Amino acid sequence: MSYQHRYAQFARVRGFTEGNEPLMHEFITWVKAKWAMWRIATGHQRAYLTREDHAAFDAWLEKETT
């Protein structure tokens, strides 16, 4: 099975494995918090996100360990 890369990162840093998967609401809460952290870390203030913003977020997210 193939997973969305942000979901896979969430499962990896939280220690989940195939067959022991988190509930979707756990992922949604986590990724929303990560977006907020990224916005603060980068000073992003626009109300919209570009493709470049998404790419920068994904690169930043890959370095996250929690």
PDB file of N, CA and C in Angstrom:
ATOM      1  N   MET A   1       0.846  -1.177   0.000  1.00  0.00           N
ATOM      2  CA  MET A   1       0.000   0.000   0.000  1.00  0.00           C
ATOM      3  C   MET A   1       0.892   1.241   0.000  1.00  0.00           C
ATOM      4  N   SER A   2       0.461   2.260  -0.704  1.00  0.00           N
ATOM      5  CA  SER A   2       1.201   3.518  -0.784  1.00  0.00           C
ATOM      6  C   SER A   2       0.502   4.573   0.075  1.00  0.00           C
ATOM      7  N   TYR A   3       1.295   5.343   0.818  1.00  0.00           N
ATOM      8  CA  TYR A   3       0.748   6.364   1.689  1.00  0.00           C
ATOM      9  C   TYR A   3       1.196   7.752   1.240  1.00  0.00           C
ATOM     10  N   GLN A   4       0.396   8.741   1.526  1.00  0.00           N
ATOM     11  CA  GLN A   4       0.760  10.128   1.274  1.00  0.00           C
ATOM     12  C   GLN A   4       2.018  10.417   2.088  1.00  0.00           C
ATOM     13  N   HIS A   5       2.982  11.137   1.513  1.00  0.00           N
ATOM     14  CA  HIS A   5       4.292  11.304   2.143  1.00  0.00           C
ATOM     15  C   HIS A   5       4.227  11.993   3.508  1.00  0.00           C
ATOM     16  N   ARG A   6       3.317  12.908   3.706  1.00  0.00           N
ATOM     17  CA  ARG A   6       3.208  13.563   5.018  1.00  0.00           C
ATOM     18  C   ARG A   6       2.662  12.588   6.060  1.00  0.00           C
ATOM     19  N   TYR A   7       1.726  11.758   5.654  1.00  0.00           N
ATOM     20  CA  TYR A   7       1.185  10.735   6.557  1.00  0.00           C
ATOM     21  C   TYR A   7       2.276   9.722   6.910  1.00  0.00           C
ATOM     22  N   ALA A   8       3.070   9.338   5.925  1.00  0.00           N
ATOM     23  CA  ALA A   8       4.162   8.390   6.167  1.00  0.00           C
ATOM     24  C   ALA A   8       5.181   8.970   7.144  1.00  0.00           C
ATOM     25  N   GLN A   9       5.493  10.263   7.017  1.00  0.00           N
ATOM     26  CA  GLN A   9       6.418  10.919   7.945  1.00  0.00           C
ATOM     27  C   GLN A   9       5.827  10.923   9.351  1.00  0.00           C
ATOM     28  N   PHE A  10       4.563  11.242   9.466  1.00  0.00           N
ATOM     29  CA  PHE A  10       3.891  11.230  10.766  1.00  0.00           C
ATOM     30  C   PHE A  10       3.996   9.848  11.405  1.00  0.00           C
ATOM     31  N   ALA A  11       3.669   8.817  10.651  1.00  0.00           N
ATOM     32  CA  ALA A  11       3.709   7.459  11.184  1.00  0.00           C
ATOM     33  C   ALA A  11       5.133   7.083  11.593  1.00  0.00           C
ATOM     34  N   ARG A  12       6.119   7.488  10.803  1.00  0.00           N
ATOM     35  CA  ARG A  12       7.507   7.156  11.105  1.00  0.00           C
ATOM     36  C   ARG A  12       7.968   7.807  12.403  1.00  0.00           C
ATOM     37  N   VAL A  13       7.749   9.109  12.542  1.00  0.00           N
ATOM     38  CA  VAL A  13       8.246   9.797  13.737  1.00  0.00           C
ATOM     39  C   VAL A  13       7.467   9.412  14.986  1.00  0.00           C
ATOM     40  N   ARG A  14       6.253   8.942  14.817  1.00  0.00           N
ATOM     41  CA  ARG A  14       5.453   8.512  15.954  1.00  0.00           C
ATOM     42  C   ARG A  14       5.594   7.026  16.259  1.00  0.00           C
ATOM     43  N   GLY A  15       6.376   6.314  15.438  1.00  0.00           N
ATOM     44  CA  GLY A  15       6.650   4.904  15.722  1.00  0.00           C
ATOM     45  C   GLY A  15       5.576   3.931  15.284  1.00  0.00           C
ATOM     46  N   PHE A  16       4.705   4.348  14.394  1.00  0.00           N
ATOM     47  CA  PHE A  16       3.680   3.448  13.900  1.00  0.00           C
ATOM     48  C   PHE A  16       4.252   2.579  12.786  1.00  0.00           C
ATOM     49  N   THR A  17       3.720   1.385  12.661  1.00  0.00           N
ATOM     50  CA  THR A  17       4.130   0.470  11.606  1.00  0.00           C
ATOM     51  C   THR A  17       2.884  -0.019  10.878  1.00  0.00           C
ATOM     52  N   GLU A  18       3.100  -0.665   9.747  1.00  0.00           N
ATOM     53  CA  GLU A  18       1.980  -1.225   8.984  1.00  0.00           C
ATOM     54  C   GLU A  18       1.210  -2.186   9.882  1.00  0.00           C
ATOM     55  N   GLY A  19      -0.069  -2.034   9.937  1.00  0.00           N
ATOM     56  CA  GLY A  19      -0.905  -2.852  10.796  1.00  0.00           C
ATOM     57  C   GLY A  19      -1.158  -2.214  12.156  1.00  0.00           C
ATOM     58  N   ASN A  20      -0.342  -1.224  12.498  1.00  0.00           N
ATOM     59  CA  ASN A  20      -0.479  -0.491  13.761  1.00  0.00           C
ATOM     60  C   ASN A  20      -0.516   0.994  13.405  1.00  0.00           C
ATOM     61  N   GLU A  21      -1.515   1.368  12.637  1.00  0.00           N
ATOM     62  CA  GLU A  21      -1.569   2.703  12.056  1.00  0.00           C
ATOM     63  C   GLU A  21      -2.373   3.674  12.909  1.00  0.00           C
ATOM     64  N   PRO A  22      -1.975   4.941  12.900  1.00  0.00           N
ATOM     65  CA  PRO A  22      -2.693   5.953  13.681  1.00  0.00           C
ATOM     66  C   PRO A  22      -4.060   6.257  13.066  1.00  0.00           C
ATOM     67  N   LEU A  23      -4.915   6.814  13.873  1.00  0.00           N
ATOM     68  CA  LEU A  23      -6.216   7.258  13.380  1.00  0.00           C
ATOM     69  C   LEU A  23      -6.035   8.558  12.609  1.00  0.00           C
ATOM     70  N   MET A  24      -6.896   8.784  11.646  1.00  0.00           N
ATOM     71  CA  MET A  24      -6.767   9.954  10.789  1.00  0.00           C
ATOM     72  C   MET A  24      -6.819  11.259  11.573  1.00  0.00           C
ATOM     73  N   HIS A  25      -7.642  11.346  12.606  1.00  0.00           N
ATOM     74  CA  HIS A  25      -7.722  12.601  13.352  1.00  0.00           C
ATOM     75  C   HIS A  25      -6.392  12.904  14.053  1.00  0.00           C
ATOM     76  N   GLU A  26      -5.629  11.883  14.406  1.00  0.00           N
ATOM     77  CA  GLU A  26      -4.312  12.110  15.003  1.00  0.00           C
ATOM     78  C   GLU A  26      -3.379  12.759  13.984  1.00  0.00           C
ATOM     79  N   PHE A  27      -3.421  12.269  12.749  1.00  0.00           N
ATOM     80  CA  PHE A  27      -2.602  12.847  11.692  1.00  0.00           C
ATOM     81  C   PHE A  27      -3.018  14.283  11.393  1.00  0.00           C
ATOM     82  N   ILE A  28      -4.305  14.535  11.288  1.00  0.00           N
ATOM     83  CA  ILE A  28      -4.791  15.879  10.964  1.00  0.00           C
ATOM     84  C   ILE A  28      -4.349  16.875  12.034  1.00  0.00           C
ATOM     85  N   THR A  29      -4.477  16.504  13.280  1.00  0.00           N
ATOM     86  CA  THR A  29      -4.042  17.370  14.378  1.00  0.00           C
ATOM     87  C   THR A  29      -2.543  17.622  14.295  1.00  0.00           C
ATOM     88  N   TRP A  30      -1.777  16.575  14.039  1.00  0.00           N
ATOM     89  CA  TRP A  30      -0.321  16.683  13.952  1.00  0.00           C
ATOM     90  C   TRP A  30       0.102  17.587  12.794  1.00  0.00           C
ATOM     91  N   VAL A  31      -0.447  17.348  11.598  1.00  0.00           N
ATOM     92  CA  VAL A  31       0.001  18.110  10.429  1.00  0.00           C
ATOM     93  C   VAL A  31      -0.423  19.581  10.534  1.00  0.00           C
ATOM     94  N   LYS A  32      -1.572  19.858  11.126  1.00  0.00           N
ATOM     95  CA  LYS A  32      -1.982  21.256  11.335  1.00  0.00           C
ATOM     96  C   LYS A  32      -0.998  21.966  12.269  1.00  0.00           C
ATOM     97  N   ALA A  33      -0.576  21.271  13.313  1.00  0.00           N
ATOM     98  CA  ALA A  33       0.401  21.849  14.245  1.00  0.00           C
ATOM     99  C   ALA A  33       1.740  22.074  13.547  1.00  0.00           C
ATOM    100  N   LYS A  34       2.132  21.158  12.688  1.00  0.00           N
ATOM    101  CA  LYS A  34       3.403  21.301  11.951  1.00  0.00           C
ATOM    102  C   LYS A  34       3.350  22.485  10.988  1.00  0.00           C
ATOM    103  N   TRP A  35       2.207  22.685  10.314  1.00  0.00           N
ATOM    104  CA  TRP A  35       2.062  23.850   9.439  1.00  0.00           C
ATOM    105  C   TRP A  35       2.228  25.129  10.254  1.00  0.00           C
ATOM    106  N   ALA A  36       1.620  25.175  11.426  1.00  0.00           N
ATOM    107  CA  ALA A  36       1.730  26.363  12.280  1.00  0.00           C
ATOM    108  C   ALA A  36       3.181  26.586  12.698  1.00  0.00           C
ATOM    109  N   MET A  37       3.872  25.516  13.058  1.00  0.00           N
ATOM    110  CA  MET A  37       5.279  25.622  13.443  1.00  0.00           C
ATOM    111  C   MET A  37       6.128  26.111  12.270  1.00  0.00           C
ATOM    112  N   TRP A  38       5.859  25.587  11.077  1.00  0.00           N
ATOM    113  CA  TRP A  38       6.603  25.992   9.887  1.00  0.00           C
ATOM    114  C   TRP A  38       6.375  27.473   9.585  1.00  0.00           C
ATOM    115  N   ARG A  39       5.143  27.909   9.683  1.00  0.00           N
ATOM    116  CA  ARG A  39       4.832  29.328   9.432  1.00  0.00           C
ATOM    117  C   ARG A  39       5.606  30.231  10.394  1.00  0.00           C
ATOM    118  N   ILE A  40       5.666  29.854  11.655  1.00  0.00           N
ATOM    119  CA  ILE A  40       6.408  30.645  12.645  1.00  0.00           C
ATOM    120  C   ILE A  40       7.902  30.602  12.336  1.00  0.00           C
ATOM    121  N   ALA A  41       8.422  29.413  12.051  1.00  0.00           N
ATOM    122  CA  ALA A  41       9.860  29.245  11.793  1.00  0.00           C
ATOM    123  C   ALA A  41      10.322  30.013  10.556  1.00  0.00           C
ATOM    124  N   THR A  42       9.448  30.140   9.566  1.00  0.00           N
ATOM    125  CA  THR A  42       9.836  30.793   8.313  1.00  0.00           C
ATOM    126  C   THR A  42       9.327  32.224   8.206  1.00  0.00           C
ATOM    127  N   GLY A  43       8.489  32.637   9.135  1.00  0.00           N
ATOM    128  CA  GLY A  43       7.927  33.973   9.067  1.00  0.00           C
ATOM    129  C   GLY A  43       6.872  34.113   7.983  1.00  0.00           C
ATOM    130  N   HIS A  44       6.319  32.998   7.535  1.00  0.00           N
ATOM    131  CA  HIS A  44       5.305  33.016   6.468  1.00  0.00           C
ATOM    132  C   HIS A  44       4.048  33.712   6.979  1.00  0.00           C
ATOM    133  N   GLN A  45       3.592  34.729   6.254  1.00  0.00           N
ATOM    134  CA  GLN A  45       2.436  35.489   6.713  1.00  0.00           C
ATOM    135  C   GLN A  45       1.301  35.564   5.698  1.00  0.00           C
ATOM    136  N   ARG A  46       1.550  35.132   4.469  1.00  0.00           N
ATOM    137  CA  ARG A  46       0.480  35.196   3.466  1.00  0.00           C
ATOM    138  C   ARG A  46      -0.659  34.260   3.844  1.00  0.00           C
ATOM    139  N   ALA A  47      -1.856  34.590   3.430  1.00  0.00           N
ATOM    140  CA  ALA A  47      -3.036  33.771   3.720  1.00  0.00           C
ATOM    141  C   ALA A  47      -3.112  32.564   2.782  1.00  0.00           C
ATOM    142  N   TYR A  48      -2.320  32.553   1.721  1.00  0.00           N
ATOM    143  CA  TYR A  48      -2.353  31.454   0.758  1.00  0.00           C
ATOM    144  C   TYR A  48      -0.980  30.791   0.695  1.00  0.00           C
ATOM    145  N   LEU A  49      -0.944  29.576   0.166  1.00  0.00           N
ATOM    146  CA  LEU A  49       0.304  28.833   0.025  1.00  0.00           C
ATOM    147  C   LEU A  49       0.559  28.535  -1.440  1.00  0.00           C
ATOM    148  N   THR A  50       1.796  28.677  -1.856  1.00  0.00           N
ATOM    149  CA  THR A  50       2.196  28.375  -3.229  1.00  0.00           C
ATOM    150  C   THR A  50       2.773  26.955  -3.299  1.00  0.00           C
ATOM    151  N   ARG A  51       3.031  26.497  -4.506  1.00  0.00           N
ATOM    152  CA  ARG A  51       3.700  25.198  -4.671  1.00  0.00           C
ATOM    153  C   ARG A  51       5.070  25.220  -4.010  1.00  0.00           C
ATOM    154  N   GLU A  52       5.726  26.355  -4.099  1.00  0.00           N
ATOM    155  CA  GLU A  52       7.042  26.497  -3.464  1.00  0.00           C
ATOM    156  C   GLU A  52       6.929  26.393  -1.941  1.00  0.00           C
ATOM    157  N   ASP A  53       5.859  26.957  -1.386  1.00  0.00           N
ATOM    158  CA  ASP A  53       5.627  26.848   0.056  1.00  0.00           C
ATOM    159  C   ASP A  53       5.437  25.385   0.457  1.00  0.00           C
ATOM    160  N   HIS A  54       4.654  24.665  -0.333  1.00  0.00           N
ATOM    161  CA  HIS A  54       4.427  23.251  -0.035  1.00  0.00           C
ATOM    162  C   HIS A  54       5.741  22.466  -0.113  1.00  0.00           C
ATOM    163  N   ALA A  55       6.557  22.750  -1.112  1.00  0.00           N
ATOM    164  CA  ALA A  55       7.843  22.064  -1.247  1.00  0.00           C
ATOM    165  C   ALA A  55       8.756  22.403  -0.067  1.00  0.00           C
ATOM    166  N   ALA A  56       8.768  23.671   0.339  1.00  0.00           N
ATOM    167  CA  ALA A  56       9.591  24.077   1.481  1.00  0.00           C
ATOM    168  C   ALA A  56       9.094  23.417   2.758  1.00  0.00           C
ATOM    169  N   PHE A  57       7.781  23.340   2.929  1.00  0.00           N
ATOM    170  CA  PHE A  57       7.211  22.677   4.100  1.00  0.00           C
ATOM    171  C   PHE A  57       7.594  21.207   4.118  1.00  0.00           C
ATOM    172  N   ASP A  58       7.478  20.536   2.983  1.00  0.00           N
ATOM    173  CA  ASP A  58       7.817  19.115   2.925  1.00  0.00           C
ATOM    174  C   ASP A  58       9.287  18.875   3.250  1.00  0.00           C
ATOM    175  N   ALA A  59      10.174  19.742   2.748  1.00  0.00           N
ATOM    176  CA  ALA A  59      11.605  19.612   3.056  1.00  0.00           C
ATOM    177  C   ALA A  59      11.841  19.822   4.550  1.00  0.00           C
ATOM    178  N   TRP A  60      11.179  20.803   5.135  1.00  0.00           N
ATOM    179  CA  TRP A  60      11.289  21.075   6.567  1.00  0.00           C
ATOM    180  C   TRP A  60      10.727  19.903   7.372  1.00  0.00           C
ATOM    181  N   LEU A  61       9.602  19.368   6.921  1.00  0.00           N
ATOM    182  CA  LEU A  61       8.940  18.287   7.637  1.00  0.00           C
ATOM    183  C   LEU A  61       9.790  17.028   7.679  1.00  0.00           C
ATOM    184  N   GLU A  62      10.554  16.764   6.626  1.00  0.00           N
ATOM    185  CA  GLU A  62      11.409  15.588   6.587  1.00  0.00           C
ATOM    186  C   GLU A  62      12.452  15.604   7.690  1.00  0.00           C
ATOM    187  N   LYS A  63      12.802  16.793   8.182  1.00  0.00           N
ATOM    188  CA  LYS A  63      13.814  16.927   9.234  1.00  0.00           C
ATOM    189  C   LYS A  63      13.214  16.821  10.632  1.00  0.00           C
ATOM    190  N   GLU A  64      11.890  16.861  10.717  1.00  0.00           N
ATOM    191  CA  GLU A  64      11.230  16.795  12.015  1.00  0.00           C
ATOM    192  C   GLU A  64      11.342  15.398  12.616  1.00  0.00           C
ATOM    193  N   THR A  65      11.499  15.345  13.914  1.00  0.00           N
ATOM    194  CA  THR A  65      11.643  14.056  14.588  1.00  0.00           C
ATOM    195  C   THR A  65      10.551  13.798  15.614  1.00  0.00           C
ATOM    196  N   THR A  66       9.585  14.703  15.714  1.00  0.00           N
ATOM    197  CA  THR A  66       8.489  14.510  16.670  1.00  0.00           C
ATOM    198  C   THR A  66       7.151  14.680  16.001  1.00  0.00           C
TER     199      THR A  66
END
